[in-house]
Amino acid sequence: MKIIYYNLFLLIFFILFAGFLMSTPMATMSMTEGVTIAIVLGLYVVAMSLVGEGKVVDERGMLHRYLANRWALVSGTTVLTLGVVYQLFVSHELDYWLLSTLIAINVVKIVGLIYSEYRR
């Protein structure tokens, strides 16, 4: 039950933080605000990385963790792909961070599969 509260807390925090970012014009943001936002986002990423990484006691817990990680990978890849397509066809500019993130996700997945296969 603690993991559900942890996830809900992080989700509510991110929604409030995203609302703050959308209401603040980026052009008028000071350097300290930018650094604070970067630090808060870094802490959020670390906190989200730790979600579900506790001790697994049975196969059902392993299956739930696997499914959650799988859906996170699929949704993240989909959103990044839609971002690349949007930038290519609508704004006619490509942010290379989106493209490099997509490449990194796929390379890490392939390397992880190869490592897992030959680790035996």
N, C-alpha and C. Protein backbone atom coordinates (compact mmCIF):
# COMPACT_ATOMS: atom_id res chain seq x y z
N MET A 1 0.82 -1.20 0.00
CA MET A 1 0.00 0.00 0.00
C MET A 1 0.86 1.26 0.00
N LYS A 2 2.07 1.16 0.62
CA LYS A 2 2.96 2.32 0.65
C LYS A 2 3.38 2.74 -0.75
N ILE A 3 3.57 1.76 -1.63
CA ILE A 3 4.02 2.08 -2.98
C ILE A 3 2.95 2.87 -3.74
N ILE A 4 1.69 2.61 -3.46
CA ILE A 4 0.61 3.36 -4.11
C ILE A 4 0.62 4.81 -3.64
N TYR A 5 0.80 5.04 -2.34
CA TYR A 5 0.89 6.39 -1.82
C TYR A 5 2.10 7.12 -2.39
N TYR A 6 3.21 6.41 -2.50
CA TYR A 6 4.44 6.98 -3.05
C TYR A 6 4.21 7.42 -4.49
N ASN A 7 3.59 6.55 -5.30
CA ASN A 7 3.31 6.89 -6.70
C ASN A 7 2.34 8.05 -6.81
N LEU A 8 1.30 8.04 -6.00
CA LEU A 8 0.32 9.13 -6.05
C LEU A 8 0.95 10.46 -5.65
N PHE A 9 1.79 10.42 -4.62
CA PHE A 9 2.48 11.64 -4.21
C PHE A 9 3.34 12.19 -5.34
N LEU A 10 4.11 11.32 -5.99
CA LEU A 10 4.96 11.78 -7.09
C LEU A 10 4.13 12.29 -8.27
N LEU A 11 3.01 11.64 -8.56
CA LEU A 11 2.15 12.08 -9.65
C LEU A 11 1.55 13.45 -9.36
N ILE A 12 1.04 13.65 -8.15
CA ILE A 12 0.46 14.94 -7.78
C ILE A 12 1.53 16.02 -7.79
N PHE A 13 2.71 15.70 -7.27
CA PHE A 13 3.81 16.66 -7.29
C PHE A 13 4.15 17.06 -8.72
N PHE A 14 4.23 16.09 -9.63
CA PHE A 14 4.59 16.40 -11.01
C PHE A 14 3.51 17.22 -11.69
N ILE A 15 2.25 16.95 -11.42
CA ILE A 15 1.16 17.74 -12.01
C ILE A 15 1.24 19.19 -11.53
N LEU A 16 1.46 19.39 -10.24
CA LEU A 16 1.59 20.75 -9.71
C LEU A 16 2.82 21.45 -10.30
N PHE A 17 3.91 20.74 -10.41
CA PHE A 17 5.14 21.30 -10.95
C PHE A 17 4.97 21.65 -12.43
N ALA A 18 4.31 20.78 -13.20
CA ALA A 18 4.06 21.06 -14.61
C ALA A 18 3.14 22.27 -14.75
N GLY A 19 2.14 22.39 -13.88
CA GLY A 19 1.27 23.56 -13.91
C GLY A 19 2.04 24.85 -13.65
N PHE A 20 2.98 24.79 -12.70
CA PHE A 20 3.82 25.95 -12.43
C PHE A 20 4.67 26.30 -13.65
N LEU A 21 5.25 25.28 -14.28
CA LEU A 21 6.09 25.54 -15.45
C LEU A 21 5.29 26.12 -16.61
N MET A 22 4.06 25.65 -16.79
CA MET A 22 3.24 26.15 -17.90
C MET A 22 2.75 27.57 -17.65
N SER A 23 2.61 27.95 -16.38
CA SER A 23 2.13 29.29 -16.08
C SER A 23 3.25 30.32 -16.04
N THR A 24 4.50 29.88 -16.00
CA THR A 24 5.63 30.79 -15.93
C THR A 24 6.26 30.93 -17.31
N PRO A 25 6.32 32.17 -17.84
CA PRO A 25 6.98 32.34 -19.14
C PRO A 25 8.48 32.06 -19.02
N MET A 26 8.99 31.25 -19.93
CA MET A 26 10.39 30.86 -19.87
C MET A 26 11.34 32.04 -20.13
N ALA A 27 10.90 33.00 -20.90
CA ALA A 27 11.77 34.14 -21.23
C ALA A 27 12.04 35.02 -20.02
N THR A 28 11.13 35.05 -19.06
CA THR A 28 11.30 35.92 -17.90
C THR A 28 11.88 35.19 -16.69
N MET A 29 12.27 33.93 -16.87
CA MET A 29 12.77 33.13 -15.76
C MET A 29 14.22 33.51 -15.45
N SER A 30 14.51 33.67 -14.16
CA SER A 30 15.87 34.03 -13.76
C SER A 30 16.74 32.78 -13.70
N MET A 31 18.04 33.00 -13.53
CA MET A 31 18.98 31.88 -13.47
C MET A 31 18.72 31.00 -12.25
N THR A 32 18.42 31.59 -11.11
CA THR A 32 18.16 30.78 -9.92
C THR A 32 16.90 29.95 -10.07
N GLU A 33 15.88 30.51 -10.72
CA GLU A 33 14.66 29.72 -10.96
C GLU A 33 14.96 28.55 -11.88
N GLY A 34 15.76 28.79 -12.92
CA GLY A 34 16.11 27.72 -13.84
C GLY A 34 16.89 26.61 -13.17
N VAL A 35 17.85 26.98 -12.33
CA VAL A 35 18.65 25.99 -11.62
C VAL A 35 17.77 25.22 -10.63
N THR A 36 16.88 25.92 -9.94
CA THR A 36 15.96 25.26 -9.00
C THR A 36 15.07 24.27 -9.73
N ILE A 37 14.56 24.65 -10.88
CA ILE A 37 13.71 23.75 -11.67
C ILE A 37 14.50 22.53 -12.11
N ALA A 38 15.75 22.72 -12.52
CA ALA A 38 16.58 21.60 -12.94
C ALA A 38 16.84 20.65 -11.77
N ILE A 39 17.11 21.19 -10.59
CA ILE A 39 17.35 20.36 -9.41
C ILE A 39 16.09 19.58 -9.03
N VAL A 40 14.95 20.25 -9.04
CA VAL A 40 13.69 19.58 -8.69
C VAL A 40 13.38 18.47 -9.70
N LEU A 41 13.60 18.73 -10.99
CA LEU A 41 13.37 17.68 -11.99
C LEU A 41 14.35 16.52 -11.80
N GLY A 42 15.58 16.81 -11.45
CA GLY A 42 16.54 15.75 -11.18
C GLY A 42 16.12 14.88 -10.01
N LEU A 43 15.65 15.52 -8.94
CA LEU A 43 15.17 14.76 -7.78
C LEU A 43 13.94 13.93 -8.14
N TYR A 44 13.07 14.48 -8.98
CA TYR A 44 11.88 13.75 -9.42
C TYR A 44 12.27 12.50 -10.22
N VAL A 45 13.26 12.65 -11.10
CA VAL A 45 13.71 11.50 -11.89
C VAL A 45 14.29 10.42 -10.99
N VAL A 46 15.09 10.82 -10.00
CA VAL A 46 15.65 9.84 -9.06
C VAL A 46 14.53 9.15 -8.29
N ALA A 47 13.56 9.92 -7.82
CA ALA A 47 12.45 9.33 -7.06
C ALA A 47 11.64 8.37 -7.93
N MET A 48 11.38 8.72 -9.18
CA MET A 48 10.63 7.83 -10.07
C MET A 48 11.43 6.60 -10.43
N SER A 49 12.74 6.72 -10.48
CA SER A 49 13.58 5.56 -10.79
C SER A 49 13.53 4.54 -9.67
N LEU A 50 13.28 4.99 -8.46
CA LEU A 50 13.25 4.08 -7.32
C LEU A 50 11.88 3.44 -7.10
N VAL A 51 10.87 3.86 -7.86
CA VAL A 51 9.53 3.30 -7.69
C VAL A 51 9.54 1.83 -8.08
N GLY A 52 9.07 1.00 -7.21
CA GLY A 52 8.96 -0.41 -7.50
C GLY A 52 10.27 -1.18 -7.41
N GLU A 53 11.31 -0.56 -6.91
CA GLU A 53 12.60 -1.24 -6.86
C GLU A 53 12.86 -1.90 -5.50
N GLY A 54 11.82 -2.09 -4.75
CA GLY A 54 11.97 -2.75 -3.46
C GLY A 54 12.15 -4.25 -3.62
N LYS A 55 12.13 -4.95 -2.51
CA LYS A 55 12.35 -6.40 -2.51
C LYS A 55 11.12 -7.11 -3.07
N VAL A 56 11.34 -7.99 -4.04
CA VAL A 56 10.25 -8.78 -4.63
C VAL A 56 10.17 -10.09 -3.87
N VAL A 57 8.99 -10.41 -3.39
CA VAL A 57 8.86 -11.61 -2.57
C VAL A 57 8.24 -12.78 -3.32
N ASP A 58 7.52 -12.54 -4.41
CA ASP A 58 6.91 -13.65 -5.13
C ASP A 58 6.85 -13.36 -6.63
N GLU A 59 6.38 -14.34 -7.39
CA GLU A 59 6.33 -14.21 -8.84
C GLU A 59 5.31 -13.17 -9.29
N ARG A 60 4.25 -13.02 -8.53
CA ARG A 60 3.24 -12.04 -8.88
C ARG A 60 3.81 -10.62 -8.81
N GLY A 61 4.63 -10.35 -7.79
CA GLY A 61 5.29 -9.05 -7.68
C GLY A 61 6.25 -8.80 -8.83
N MET A 62 6.96 -9.86 -9.24
CA MET A 62 7.87 -9.73 -10.38
C MET A 62 7.09 -9.44 -11.66
N LEU A 63 5.96 -10.10 -11.84
CA LEU A 63 5.14 -9.87 -13.02
C LEU A 63 4.61 -8.45 -13.04
N HIS A 64 4.16 -7.94 -11.90
CA HIS A 64 3.65 -6.57 -11.83
C HIS A 64 4.75 -5.57 -12.16
N ARG A 65 5.95 -5.79 -11.63
CA ARG A 65 7.07 -4.90 -11.92
C ARG A 65 7.42 -4.94 -13.41
N TYR A 66 7.45 -6.14 -13.97
CA TYR A 66 7.75 -6.29 -15.40
C TYR A 66 6.72 -5.56 -16.24
N LEU A 67 5.44 -5.75 -15.95
CA LEU A 67 4.39 -5.10 -16.74
C LEU A 67 4.44 -3.58 -16.61
N ALA A 68 4.69 -3.08 -15.40
CA ALA A 68 4.79 -1.62 -15.22
C ALA A 68 5.97 -1.05 -15.99
N ASN A 69 7.11 -1.73 -15.95
CA ASN A 69 8.27 -1.27 -16.70
C ASN A 69 8.02 -1.34 -18.19
N ARG A 70 7.36 -2.38 -18.62
CA ARG A 70 7.07 -2.54 -20.06
C ARG A 70 6.15 -1.42 -20.55
N TRP A 71 5.09 -1.13 -19.81
CA TRP A 71 4.17 -0.07 -20.23
C TRP A 71 4.83 1.30 -20.17
N ALA A 72 5.71 1.50 -19.21
CA ALA A 72 6.44 2.77 -19.14
C ALA A 72 7.35 2.93 -20.36
N LEU A 73 8.02 1.86 -20.76
CA LEU A 73 8.88 1.91 -21.93
C LEU A 73 8.07 2.18 -23.20
N VAL A 74 6.97 1.49 -23.36
CA VAL A 74 6.13 1.67 -24.54
C VAL A 74 5.57 3.08 -24.61
N SER A 75 5.05 3.59 -23.49
CA SER A 75 4.47 4.93 -23.52
C SER A 75 5.54 6.00 -23.71
N GLY A 76 6.70 5.85 -23.08
CA GLY A 76 7.78 6.82 -23.27
C GLY A 76 8.27 6.85 -24.70
N THR A 77 8.44 5.67 -25.29
CA THR A 77 8.88 5.60 -26.68
C THR A 77 7.83 6.20 -27.61
N THR A 78 6.56 5.95 -27.35
CA THR A 78 5.48 6.49 -28.17
C THR A 78 5.46 8.02 -28.11
N VAL A 79 5.56 8.56 -26.92
CA VAL A 79 5.53 10.02 -26.77
C VAL A 79 6.74 10.66 -27.46
N LEU A 80 7.91 10.07 -27.30
CA LEU A 80 9.09 10.61 -27.96
C LEU A 80 8.97 10.52 -29.48
N THR A 81 8.43 9.42 -29.98
CA THR A 81 8.25 9.27 -31.42
C THR A 81 7.25 10.29 -31.95
N LEU A 82 6.15 10.49 -31.23
CA LEU A 82 5.19 11.51 -31.65
C LEU A 82 5.81 12.91 -31.62
N GLY A 83 6.69 13.16 -30.64
CA GLY A 83 7.38 14.45 -30.59
C GLY A 83 8.29 14.65 -31.79
N VAL A 84 9.00 13.61 -32.19
CA VAL A 84 9.88 13.71 -33.37
C VAL A 84 9.04 13.93 -34.63
N VAL A 85 7.97 13.17 -34.78
CA VAL A 85 7.10 13.32 -35.96
C VAL A 85 6.48 14.71 -36.01
N TYR A 86 6.01 15.20 -34.87
CA TYR A 86 5.43 16.54 -34.81
C TYR A 86 6.45 17.59 -35.23
N GLN A 87 7.65 17.48 -34.68
CA GLN A 87 8.67 18.47 -35.01
C GLN A 87 9.07 18.40 -36.47
N LEU A 88 9.11 17.22 -37.04
CA LEU A 88 9.50 17.10 -38.44
C LEU A 88 8.45 17.66 -39.38
N PHE A 89 7.17 17.38 -39.11
CA PHE A 89 6.13 17.74 -40.07
C PHE A 89 5.40 19.03 -39.75
N VAL A 90 5.43 19.49 -38.52
CA VAL A 90 4.70 20.71 -38.17
C VAL A 90 5.64 21.90 -38.01
N SER A 91 6.65 21.76 -37.16
CA SER A 91 7.54 22.90 -36.93
C SER A 91 8.76 22.89 -37.85
N HIS A 92 8.98 21.80 -38.57
CA HIS A 92 10.09 21.66 -39.52
C HIS A 92 11.44 21.91 -38.89
N GLU A 93 11.56 21.62 -37.61
CA GLU A 93 12.82 21.67 -36.88
C GLU A 93 12.88 20.42 -36.02
N LEU A 94 14.07 19.85 -35.92
CA LEU A 94 14.20 18.64 -35.11
C LEU A 94 15.08 18.91 -33.92
N ASP A 95 14.52 18.69 -32.73
CA ASP A 95 15.30 18.78 -31.49
C ASP A 95 16.04 17.46 -31.33
N TYR A 96 17.35 17.51 -31.41
CA TYR A 96 18.14 16.28 -31.41
C TYR A 96 18.11 15.56 -30.07
N TRP A 97 17.66 16.22 -29.02
CA TRP A 97 17.52 15.53 -27.73
C TRP A 97 16.43 14.46 -27.82
N LEU A 98 15.36 14.76 -28.52
CA LEU A 98 14.31 13.75 -28.68
C LEU A 98 14.83 12.53 -29.44
N LEU A 99 15.53 12.79 -30.52
CA LEU A 99 16.05 11.71 -31.33
C LEU A 99 17.12 10.91 -30.59
N SER A 100 18.01 11.59 -29.90
CA SER A 100 19.06 10.87 -29.17
C SER A 100 18.47 10.08 -28.00
N THR A 101 17.41 10.56 -27.38
CA THR A 101 16.76 9.81 -26.31
C THR A 101 16.11 8.54 -26.85
N LEU A 102 15.47 8.64 -28.00
CA LEU A 102 14.89 7.44 -28.63
C LEU A 102 15.97 6.42 -28.96
N ILE A 103 17.08 6.90 -29.49
CA ILE A 103 18.18 5.99 -29.83
C ILE A 103 18.73 5.35 -28.56
N ALA A 104 18.90 6.15 -27.50
CA ALA A 104 19.45 5.62 -26.24
C ALA A 104 18.53 4.55 -25.65
N ILE A 105 17.24 4.77 -25.68
CA ILE A 105 16.29 3.79 -25.15
C ILE A 105 16.45 2.46 -25.89
N ASN A 106 16.50 2.53 -27.21
CA ASN A 106 16.59 1.30 -27.99
C ASN A 106 17.95 0.61 -27.85
N VAL A 107 19.03 1.38 -27.80
CA VAL A 107 20.35 0.79 -27.64
C VAL A 107 20.47 0.10 -26.29
N VAL A 108 20.00 0.75 -25.23
CA VAL A 108 20.07 0.15 -23.90
C VAL A 108 19.21 -1.12 -23.83
N LYS A 109 18.07 -1.11 -24.47
CA LYS A 109 17.22 -2.30 -24.49
C LYS A 109 17.93 -3.45 -25.20
N ILE A 110 18.54 -3.18 -26.34
CA ILE A 110 19.22 -4.22 -27.10
C ILE A 110 20.43 -4.75 -26.32
N VAL A 111 21.22 -3.85 -25.77
CA VAL A 111 22.39 -4.27 -24.99
C VAL A 111 21.95 -5.08 -23.77
N GLY A 112 20.88 -4.66 -23.11
CA GLY A 112 20.37 -5.41 -21.96
C GLY A 112 19.91 -6.81 -22.34
N LEU A 113 19.25 -6.92 -23.48
CA LEU A 113 18.82 -8.24 -23.93
C LEU A 113 20.01 -9.13 -24.27
N ILE A 114 21.01 -8.56 -24.95
CA ILE A 114 22.20 -9.34 -25.29
C ILE A 114 22.93 -9.77 -24.02
N TYR A 115 23.09 -8.85 -23.09
CA TYR A 115 23.77 -9.17 -21.83
C TYR A 115 23.03 -10.27 -21.08
N SER A 116 21.70 -10.15 -21.00
CA SER A 116 20.91 -11.15 -20.28
C SER A 116 21.00 -12.51 -20.93
N GLU A 117 21.07 -12.54 -22.25
CA GLU A 117 21.13 -13.81 -22.97
C GLU A 117 22.47 -14.52 -22.77
N TYR A 118 23.56 -13.77 -22.78
CA TYR A 118 24.87 -14.38 -22.70
C TYR A 118 25.44 -14.43 -21.28
N ARG A 119 24.72 -13.93 -20.31
CA ARG A 119 25.16 -13.94 -18.92
C ARG A 119 25.11 -15.34 -18.32
N ARG A 120 24.26 -16.16 -18.82
CA ARG A 120 24.07 -17.51 -18.28
C ARG A 120 25.32 -18.24 -18.31
